[in-house]
Amino acid sequence: MSRIFVLFLMFGYSSFCYSQINDNKMKFGMHIGGIYPFMFSEKALPEKAEIVNTFGFVVGVNVDYPIASSFLVSPKVNLSVCESKVTFSDTKNTDYKLMQFSFNFMADFVLKKWNSTLQPYLLIGPKYIIPIDGKNNDIDEYPSKSSYSLDFGIGFHKHLKKFSIAPEIRYSYGISDINSHPLLSALKYHSLSLVLNFKG
């Protein structure tokens, strides 16, 4: 039920943004890049347990809604493929894997400097993560939880002949607990991404 509510909230947010546009043109695009997760435990892990994070990638789509000359909102959705896990070496190397696959819904607020060749920008916005781990866990009964994050980023926008490109560094600060394993305390999921945005 909470997932449905959040999705409706995001839809309503996007509709509101659209209604604020006068003669400004929406811009559609896609993004792809690398991601490195920083999962950590708020308390000490059990004995002979450790956290392992591995690199992955993200790919998705985005829409820019100009609101003012130097301000826009940019809803995004992407698929993230990476892995964080807790290994238990005293139980036949059983791994508790989290966030192997997830859909990320973002709503970025972007402040740009338009009168510049490279057009640098800053962004901040909420993110809602829906894991789709399926049966990839060695411990299937403890799936990843959906979670909320706050994203911060910096990048620059460069116009080319037929399209534009925007390299971006984004840090995602995990707010909610993603853990459902009874032997572990709260696990928070942060991540650092390097993303290339393409727009027509």
C-alpha atoms as a PDB file:
ATOM      1  CA  MET A   1       0.000   0.000   0.000  1.00  0.00           C
ATOM      2  CA  SER A   2       2.842   2.427   0.866  1.00  0.00           C
ATOM      3  CA  ARG A   3       4.451   1.814  -2.536  1.00  0.00           C
ATOM      4  CA  ILE A   4       1.221   2.642  -4.346  1.00  0.00           C
ATOM      5  CA  PHE A   5       0.819   5.790  -2.272  1.00  0.00           C
ATOM      6  CA  VAL A   6       4.350   6.975  -3.070  1.00  0.00           C
ATOM      7  CA  LEU A   7       3.911   6.298  -6.785  1.00  0.00           C
ATOM      8  CA  PHE A   8       0.670   8.295  -6.819  1.00  0.00           C
ATOM      9  CA  LEU A   9       2.447  11.058  -4.907  1.00  0.00           C
ATOM     10  CA  MET A  10       5.215  11.136  -7.502  1.00  0.00           C
ATOM     11  CA  PHE A  11       2.651  11.218 -10.302  1.00  0.00           C
ATOM     12  CA  GLY A  12       0.832  14.070  -8.609  1.00  0.00           C
ATOM     13  CA  TYR A  13       4.098  15.931  -8.124  1.00  0.00           C
ATOM     14  CA  SER A  14       4.953  15.571 -11.816  1.00  0.00           C
ATOM     15  CA  SER A  15       1.477  16.727 -12.840  1.00  0.00           C
ATOM     16  CA  PHE A  16       1.804  19.772 -10.617  1.00  0.00           C
ATOM     17  CA  CYS A  17       5.163  20.629 -12.163  1.00  0.00           C
ATOM     18  CA  TYR A  18       3.670  20.273 -15.617  1.00  0.00           C
ATOM     19  CA  SER A  19       0.818  22.612 -14.746  1.00  0.00           C
ATOM     20  CA  GLN A  20       3.322  25.313 -13.731  1.00  0.00           C
ATOM     21  CA  ILE A  21       4.908  25.416 -17.184  1.00  0.00           C
ATOM     22  CA  ASN A  22       3.875  28.262 -19.437  1.00  0.00           C
ATOM     23  CA  ASP A  23       5.621  28.274 -22.807  1.00  0.00           C
ATOM     24  CA  ASN A  24       8.688  26.385 -21.676  1.00  0.00           C
ATOM     25  CA  LYS A  25       9.462  23.156 -23.447  1.00  0.00           C
ATOM     26  CA  MET A  26       9.864  19.814 -21.692  1.00  0.00           C
ATOM     27  CA  LYS A  27      13.008  17.882 -22.523  1.00  0.00           C
ATOM     28  CA  PHE A  28      13.152  14.095 -22.435  1.00  0.00           C
ATOM     29  CA  GLY A  29      16.332  12.115 -22.068  1.00  0.00           C
ATOM     30  CA  MET A  30      18.082   9.048 -20.747  1.00  0.00           C
ATOM     31  CA  HIS A  31      20.986   8.411 -18.406  1.00  0.00           C
ATOM     32  CA  ILE A  32      23.511   5.667 -17.812  1.00  0.00           C
ATOM     33  CA  GLY A  33      26.419   5.333 -15.435  1.00  0.00           C
ATOM     34  CA  GLY A  34      28.257   3.511 -12.690  1.00  0.00           C
ATOM     35  CA  ILE A  35      27.275   3.181  -9.042  1.00  0.00           C
ATOM     36  CA  TYR A  36      29.129   2.145  -5.908  1.00  0.00           C
ATOM     37  CA  PRO A  37      26.972   1.351  -2.843  1.00  0.00           C
ATOM     38  CA  PHE A  38      27.965   2.091   0.757  1.00  0.00           C
ATOM     39  CA  MET A  39      25.834  -0.171   2.898  1.00  0.00           C
ATOM     40  CA  PHE A  40      26.671  -0.060   6.600  1.00  0.00           C
ATOM     41  CA  SER A  41      25.266  -1.198   9.912  1.00  0.00           C
ATOM     42  CA  GLU A  42      24.326   1.288  12.611  1.00  0.00           C
ATOM     43  CA  LYS A  43      25.505  -1.197  15.262  1.00  0.00           C
ATOM     44  CA  ALA A  44      28.228  -3.826  15.453  1.00  0.00           C
ATOM     45  CA  LEU A  45      27.717  -6.844  13.208  1.00  0.00           C
ATOM     46  CA  PRO A  46      27.538 -10.355  14.662  1.00  0.00           C
ATOM     47  CA  GLU A  47      30.835 -12.170  15.062  1.00  0.00           C
ATOM     48  CA  LYS A  48      32.300 -13.495  11.771  1.00  0.00           C
ATOM     49  CA  ALA A  49      29.963 -11.330   9.699  1.00  0.00           C
ATOM     50  CA  GLU A  50      31.093  -8.594   7.326  1.00  0.00           C
ATOM     51  CA  ILE A  51      29.630  -6.229   4.746  1.00  0.00           C
ATOM     52  CA  VAL A  52      30.797  -6.422   1.118  1.00  0.00           C
ATOM     53  CA  ASN A  53      29.881  -3.766  -1.485  1.00  0.00           C
ATOM     54  CA  THR A  54      30.474  -4.120  -5.237  1.00  0.00           C
ATOM     55  CA  PHE A  55      30.323  -1.773  -8.224  1.00  0.00           C
ATOM     56  CA  GLY A  56      27.293  -1.774 -10.500  1.00  0.00           C
ATOM     57  CA  PHE A  57      25.486   0.342 -13.070  1.00  0.00           C
ATOM     58  CA  VAL A  58      22.293   2.374 -13.517  1.00  0.00           C
ATOM     59  CA  VAL A  59      20.239   3.093 -16.631  1.00  0.00           C
ATOM     60  CA  GLY A  60      17.053   5.120 -16.853  1.00  0.00           C
ATOM     61  CA  VAL A  61      14.989   7.957 -18.290  1.00  0.00           C
ATOM     62  CA  ASN A  62      14.336  11.521 -17.178  1.00  0.00           C
ATOM     63  CA  VAL A  63      12.243  14.580 -18.006  1.00  0.00           C
ATOM     64  CA  ASP A  64      13.218  18.231 -17.457  1.00  0.00           C
ATOM     65  CA  TYR A  65      10.434  20.670 -16.522  1.00  0.00           C
ATOM     66  CA  PRO A  66      11.708  24.285 -16.677  1.00  0.00           C
ATOM     67  CA  ILE A  67      10.131  26.456 -13.991  1.00  0.00           C
ATOM     68  CA  ALA A  68      12.274  29.574 -14.267  1.00  0.00           C
ATOM     69  CA  SER A  69      15.273  30.740 -16.290  1.00  0.00           C
ATOM     70  CA  SER A  70      17.752  28.997 -13.973  1.00  0.00           C
ATOM     71  CA  PHE A  71      15.550  26.506 -12.124  1.00  0.00           C
ATOM     72  CA  LEU A  72      13.942  23.240 -13.198  1.00  0.00           C
ATOM     73  CA  VAL A  73      12.575  20.017 -11.752  1.00  0.00           C
ATOM     74  CA  SER A  74      13.590  16.677 -13.202  1.00  0.00           C
ATOM     75  CA  PRO A  75      11.646  13.492 -12.358  1.00  0.00           C
ATOM     76  CA  LYS A  76      13.709  10.380 -13.097  1.00  0.00           C
ATOM     77  CA  VAL A  77      13.317   6.628 -12.925  1.00  0.00           C
ATOM     78  CA  ASN A  78      16.107   4.103 -13.375  1.00  0.00           C
ATOM     79  CA  LEU A  79      17.112   0.509 -12.897  1.00  0.00           C
ATOM     80  CA  SER A  80      20.059  -0.071 -10.569  1.00  0.00           C
ATOM     81  CA  VAL A  81      22.102  -3.288 -10.794  1.00  0.00           C
ATOM     82  CA  CYS A  82      24.712  -3.719  -8.065  1.00  0.00           C
ATOM     83  CA  GLU A  83      25.187  -5.694  -4.890  1.00  0.00           C
ATOM     84  CA  SER A  84      25.693  -5.198  -1.195  1.00  0.00           C
ATOM     85  CA  LYS A  85      25.755  -8.212   1.053  1.00  0.00           C
ATOM     86  CA  VAL A  86      26.454  -9.409   4.567  1.00  0.00           C
ATOM     87  CA  THR A  87      28.509 -12.606   4.626  1.00  0.00           C
ATOM     88  CA  PHE A  88      28.259 -15.034   7.550  1.00  0.00           C
ATOM     89  CA  SER A  89      31.466 -17.075   7.493  1.00  0.00           C
ATOM     90  CA  ASP A  90      30.363 -19.317  10.364  1.00  0.00           C
ATOM     91  CA  THR A  91      27.248 -20.597   8.553  1.00  0.00           C
ATOM     92  CA  LYS A  92      28.640 -22.260   5.424  1.00  0.00           C
ATOM     93  CA  ASN A  93      29.381 -18.887   3.803  1.00  0.00           C
ATOM     94  CA  THR A  94      25.706 -17.926   3.536  1.00  0.00           C
ATOM     95  CA  ASP A  95      25.270 -14.465   2.043  1.00  0.00           C
ATOM     96  CA  TYR A  96      22.501 -12.013   2.849  1.00  0.00           C
ATOM     97  CA  LYS A  97      22.309  -9.996  -0.384  1.00  0.00           C
ATOM     98  CA  LEU A  98      20.508  -6.675  -0.630  1.00  0.00           C
ATOM     99  CA  MET A  99      19.564  -4.245  -3.415  1.00  0.00           C
ATOM    100  CA  GLN A 100      20.899  -6.423  -6.236  1.00  0.00           C
ATOM    101  CA  PHE A 101      18.236  -5.020  -8.549  1.00  0.00           C
ATOM    102  CA  SER A 102      16.056  -2.017  -7.774  1.00  0.00           C
ATOM    103  CA  PHE A 103      13.850   0.620  -9.361  1.00  0.00           C
ATOM    104  CA  ASN A 104      14.701   4.150  -8.233  1.00  0.00           C
ATOM    105  CA  PHE A 105      12.172   6.991  -8.447  1.00  0.00           C
ATOM    106  CA  MET A 106      13.708  10.456  -8.109  1.00  0.00           C
ATOM    107  CA  ALA A 107      12.437  14.043  -8.098  1.00  0.00           C
ATOM    108  CA  ASP A 108      15.391  16.403  -8.530  1.00  0.00           C
ATOM    109  CA  PHE A 109      15.333  20.150  -7.969  1.00  0.00           C
ATOM    110  CA  VAL A 110      18.027  21.610 -10.235  1.00  0.00           C
ATOM    111  CA  LEU A 111      19.660  25.047 -10.075  1.00  0.00           C
ATOM    112  CA  LYS A 112      21.532  25.923 -13.277  1.00  0.00           C
ATOM    113  CA  LYS A 113      23.767  28.691 -14.541  1.00  0.00           C
ATOM    114  CA  TRP A 114      22.428  29.225 -18.057  1.00  0.00           C
ATOM    115  CA  ASN A 115      24.781  31.966 -19.267  1.00  0.00           C
ATOM    116  CA  SER A 116      27.791  29.713 -19.441  1.00  0.00           C
ATOM    117  CA  THR A 117      29.394  27.463 -22.044  1.00  0.00           C
ATOM    118  CA  LEU A 118      29.303  24.387 -19.801  1.00  0.00           C
ATOM    119  CA  GLN A 119      26.237  25.365 -17.734  1.00  0.00           C
ATOM    120  CA  PRO A 120      27.165  23.949 -14.295  1.00  0.00           C
ATOM    121  CA  TYR A 121      24.337  22.887 -12.010  1.00  0.00           C
ATOM    122  CA  LEU A 122      23.509  21.665  -8.508  1.00  0.00           C
ATOM    123  CA  LEU A 123      20.707  19.276  -7.588  1.00  0.00           C
ATOM    124  CA  ILE A 124      18.916  17.985  -4.530  1.00  0.00           C
ATOM    125  CA  GLY A 125      15.868  15.770  -4.244  1.00  0.00           C
ATOM    126  CA  PRO A 126      14.170  12.749  -2.677  1.00  0.00           C
ATOM    127  CA  LYS A 127      14.480   9.181  -3.939  1.00  0.00           C
ATOM    128  CA  TYR A 128      12.295   6.143  -3.350  1.00  0.00           C
ATOM    129  CA  ILE A 129      13.917   2.724  -3.922  1.00  0.00           C
ATOM    130  CA  ILE A 130      11.887  -0.408  -4.672  1.00  0.00           C
ATOM    131  CA  PRO A 131      14.034  -3.576  -4.550  1.00  0.00           C
ATOM    132  CA  ILE A 132      13.299  -6.394  -6.990  1.00  0.00           C
ATOM    133  CA  ASP A 133      15.717  -8.955  -5.565  1.00  0.00           C
ATOM    134  CA  GLY A 134      13.467 -11.909  -6.330  1.00  0.00           C
ATOM    135  CA  LYS A 135      15.008 -15.254  -5.332  1.00  0.00           C
ATOM    136  CA  ASN A 136      18.627 -14.220  -5.713  1.00  0.00           C
ATOM    137  CA  ASN A 137      19.316 -14.432  -1.989  1.00  0.00           C
ATOM    138  CA  ASP A 138      20.854 -17.401  -0.224  1.00  0.00           C
ATOM    139  CA  ILE A 139      18.401 -16.395   2.524  1.00  0.00           C
ATOM    140  CA  ASP A 140      15.192 -15.887   0.542  1.00  0.00           C
ATOM    141  CA  GLU A 141      12.918 -15.265   3.510  1.00  0.00           C
ATOM    142  CA  TYR A 142      14.612 -11.931   4.345  1.00  0.00           C
ATOM    143  CA  PRO A 143      14.222  -9.632   1.313  1.00  0.00           C
ATOM    144  CA  SER A 144      15.456  -6.048   1.024  1.00  0.00           C
ATOM    145  CA  LYS A 145      13.042  -3.395   2.259  1.00  0.00           C
ATOM    146  CA  SER A 146      11.935  -0.418   0.202  1.00  0.00           C
ATOM    147  CA  SER A 147      13.746   2.700   1.315  1.00  0.00           C
ATOM    148  CA  TYR A 148      13.961   6.473   1.114  1.00  0.00           C
ATOM    149  CA  SER A 149      17.042   8.546   0.316  1.00  0.00           C
ATOM    150  CA  LEU A 150      18.018  12.162  -0.175  1.00  0.00           C
ATOM    151  CA  ASP A 151      20.198  12.817  -3.226  1.00  0.00           C
ATOM    152  CA  PHE A 152      22.756  15.573  -3.781  1.00  0.00           C
ATOM    153  CA  GLY A 153      24.631  16.159  -7.005  1.00  0.00           C
ATOM    154  CA  ILE A 154      26.751  18.404  -9.158  1.00  0.00           C
ATOM    155  CA  GLY A 155      27.350  18.384 -12.900  1.00  0.00           C
ATOM    156  CA  PHE A 156      27.529  20.443 -16.047  1.00  0.00           C
ATOM    157  CA  HIS A 157      25.420  20.591 -19.188  1.00  0.00           C
ATOM    158  CA  LYS A 158      27.067  20.832 -22.634  1.00  0.00           C
ATOM    159  CA  HIS A 159      25.185  21.430 -25.899  1.00  0.00           C
ATOM    160  CA  LEU A 160      26.447  19.512 -28.959  1.00  0.00           C
ATOM    161  CA  LYS A 161      25.204  19.627 -32.553  1.00  0.00           C
ATOM    162  CA  LYS A 162      22.348  17.097 -32.346  1.00  0.00           C
ATOM    163  CA  PHE A 163      22.003  16.482 -28.639  1.00  0.00           C
ATOM    164  CA  SER A 164      23.306  17.585 -25.262  1.00  0.00           C
ATOM    165  CA  ILE A 165      25.288  15.722 -22.623  1.00  0.00           C
ATOM    166  CA  ALA A 166      25.527  16.259 -18.869  1.00  0.00           C
ATOM    167  CA  PRO A 167      28.115  14.386 -16.764  1.00  0.00           C
ATOM    168  CA  GLU A 168      26.969  14.245 -13.154  1.00  0.00           C
ATOM    169  CA  ILE A 169      28.253  13.076  -9.772  1.00  0.00           C
ATOM    170  CA  ARG A 170      25.461  12.085  -7.377  1.00  0.00           C
ATOM    171  CA  TYR A 171      25.563  11.067  -3.732  1.00  0.00           C
ATOM    172  CA  SER A 172      22.543   9.285  -2.273  1.00  0.00           C
ATOM    173  CA  TYR A 173      22.109   9.473   1.515  1.00  0.00           C
ATOM    174  CA  GLY A 174      20.006   6.569   2.762  1.00  0.00           C
ATOM    175  CA  ILE A 175      17.450   7.532   5.398  1.00  0.00           C
ATOM    176  CA  SER A 176      15.469   4.365   6.113  1.00  0.00           C
ATOM    177  CA  ASP A 177      16.423   0.827   7.127  1.00  0.00           C
ATOM    178  CA  ILE A 178      16.666  -1.770   4.316  1.00  0.00           C
ATOM    179  CA  ASN A 179      17.263  -4.775   6.586  1.00  0.00           C
ATOM    180  CA  SER A 180      14.748  -7.519   7.424  1.00  0.00           C
ATOM    181  CA  HIS A 181      17.209 -10.093   8.824  1.00  0.00           C
ATOM    182  CA  PRO A 182      16.572 -10.753  12.557  1.00  0.00           C
ATOM    183  CA  LEU A 183      20.276 -11.208  13.396  1.00  0.00           C
ATOM    184  CA  LEU A 184      21.232  -7.757  12.099  1.00  0.00           C
ATOM    185  CA  SER A 185      20.515  -4.235  13.280  1.00  0.00           C
ATOM    186  CA  ALA A 186      19.413  -1.445  10.978  1.00  0.00           C
ATOM    187  CA  LEU A 187      21.272  -1.290   7.651  1.00  0.00           C
ATOM    188  CA  LYS A 188      21.471   1.997   5.777  1.00  0.00           C
ATOM    189  CA  TYR A 189      22.119   2.214   2.049  1.00  0.00           C
ATOM    190  CA  HIS A 190      24.163   5.102   0.674  1.00  0.00           C
ATOM    191  CA  SER A 191      25.649   5.246  -2.824  1.00  0.00           C
ATOM    192  CA  LEU A 192      27.922   7.298  -5.092  1.00  0.00           C
ATOM    193  CA  SER A 193      27.171   7.476  -8.814  1.00  0.00           C
ATOM    194  CA  LEU A 194      28.848   8.884 -11.903  1.00  0.00           C
ATOM    195  CA  VAL A 195      26.158   9.357 -14.542  1.00  0.00           C
ATOM    196  CA  LEU A 196      25.980  10.625 -18.131  1.00  0.00           C
ATOM    197  CA  ASN A 197      22.688  12.312 -19.061  1.00  0.00           C
ATOM    198  CA  PHE A 198      21.707  12.549 -22.750  1.00  0.00           C
ATOM    199  CA  LYS A 199      18.954  14.815 -24.104  1.00  0.00           C
ATOM    200  CA  GLY A 200      17.686  15.494 -27.599  1.00  0.00           C
END
